[in-house]
Protein backbone atom coordinates (compact mmCIF):
# COMPACT_ATOMS: atom_id res chain seq x y z
CA UNK A 1 2.03 -1.39 -3.93
CA UNK A 2 5.03 -3.60 -3.36
CA UNK A 3 7.22 -0.50 -3.53
CA UNK A 4 5.54 0.99 -0.46
CA UNK A 5 5.86 -2.35 1.37
CA UNK A 6 9.60 -2.25 0.74
CA UNK A 7 9.77 1.31 2.04
CA UNK A 8 7.88 0.26 5.17
CA UNK A 9 10.31 -2.60 5.77
CA UNK A 10 13.28 -0.24 5.32
CA UNK A 11 11.80 2.30 7.71
CA UNK A 12 11.09 -0.43 10.26
CA UNK A 13 14.72 -1.50 10.21
CA UNK A 14 15.87 2.12 10.53
CA UNK A 15 13.46 2.75 13.41
CA UNK A 16 14.68 -0.31 15.28
CA UNK A 17 18.30 0.72 14.73
CA UNK A 18 17.60 4.30 15.84
CA UNK A 19 15.96 3.06 19.03
CA UNK A 20 18.78 0.61 19.75
CA UNK A 21 21.44 3.28 19.26
CA UNK A 22 19.71 6.30 20.82
CA UNK A 23 17.38 4.66 23.32
CA UNK A 24 13.67 4.08 23.11
CA UNK A 25 12.78 7.47 24.59
CA UNK A 26 14.96 9.55 22.27
CA UNK A 27 13.53 12.04 19.77
CA UNK A 28 15.30 10.17 16.96
CA UNK A 29 13.50 6.95 17.89
CA UNK A 30 10.13 8.71 18.00
CA UNK A 31 10.72 10.38 14.65
CA UNK A 32 11.70 7.08 13.05
CA UNK A 33 8.51 5.39 14.28
CA UNK A 34 6.46 8.36 13.06
CA UNK A 35 7.88 7.79 9.59
CA UNK A 36 6.85 4.12 9.78
CA UNK A 37 3.32 5.07 10.84
CA UNK A 38 2.99 7.58 8.00
CA UNK A 39 4.00 4.99 5.42
CA UNK A 40 1.59 2.45 6.88
CA UNK A 41 -1.22 5.01 6.74
CA UNK A 42 -0.40 5.75 3.10
CA UNK A 43 -0.46 2.05 2.27
CA UNK A 44 -3.87 1.71 3.90
CA UNK A 45 -5.13 4.73 1.99
CA UNK A 46 -3.94 3.26 -1.31
CA UNK A 47 -5.76 0.00 -0.58
CA UNK A 48 -8.97 1.92 0.13
CA UNK A 49 -8.90 3.99 -3.06
CA UNK A 50 -8.61 1.07 -5.46
CA UNK A 51 -12.12 -0.01 -6.38
CA UNK A 52 -12.70 -3.75 -6.29
CA UNK A 53 -13.90 -5.38 -9.47
CA UNK A 54 -17.19 -7.19 -9.47
CA UNK A 55 -17.57 -10.65 -10.99
CA UNK A 56 -18.72 -9.30 -14.39
CA UNK A 57 -15.69 -7.02 -14.66
CA UNK A 58 -13.36 -9.90 -13.84
CA UNK A 59 -15.13 -12.12 -16.39
CA UNK A 60 -14.89 -9.40 -19.05
CA UNK A 61 -11.18 -8.91 -18.36
CA UNK A 62 -10.69 -12.59 -19.08
CA UNK A 63 -13.21 -12.78 -21.97
CA UNK A 64 -13.40 -9.38 -23.72
CA UNK A 65 -15.14 -10.84 -26.79
CA UNK A 66 -18.05 -12.33 -24.84
CA UNK A 67 -21.47 -10.93 -25.73
CA UNK A 68 -21.97 -9.67 -22.17
CA UNK A 69 -18.79 -7.63 -22.40
CA UNK A 70 -19.21 -5.84 -25.69
CA UNK A 71 -19.28 -2.08 -25.56
CA UNK A 72 -21.02 -0.23 -28.35
CA UNK A 73 -20.15 3.32 -29.31
CA UNK A 74 -23.14 5.49 -30.24
C-alpha cells in the first residue's frame, strides 16, 4: 500500500509542475490531475477489498496455540 502512496505523491508533484509550466487550463495539466485521481481511486479500492480481521482472528494471529484457535483437519 505504501507503494501506491509514493506513486500518488510523485504524480501530485508532476501535476503541480505541469500546471505551473503549461497553465492551469492546459490539456497537460488536466491529464496530470486525471492520473492523480486514478491512483487515488485505486488506493481507495485496495482499502475496500482488504477484509478487516475480527477480534478472534487478531487473537489467533498472536496466539496460534490457544485452544480457541486450533483447526482440526477431518
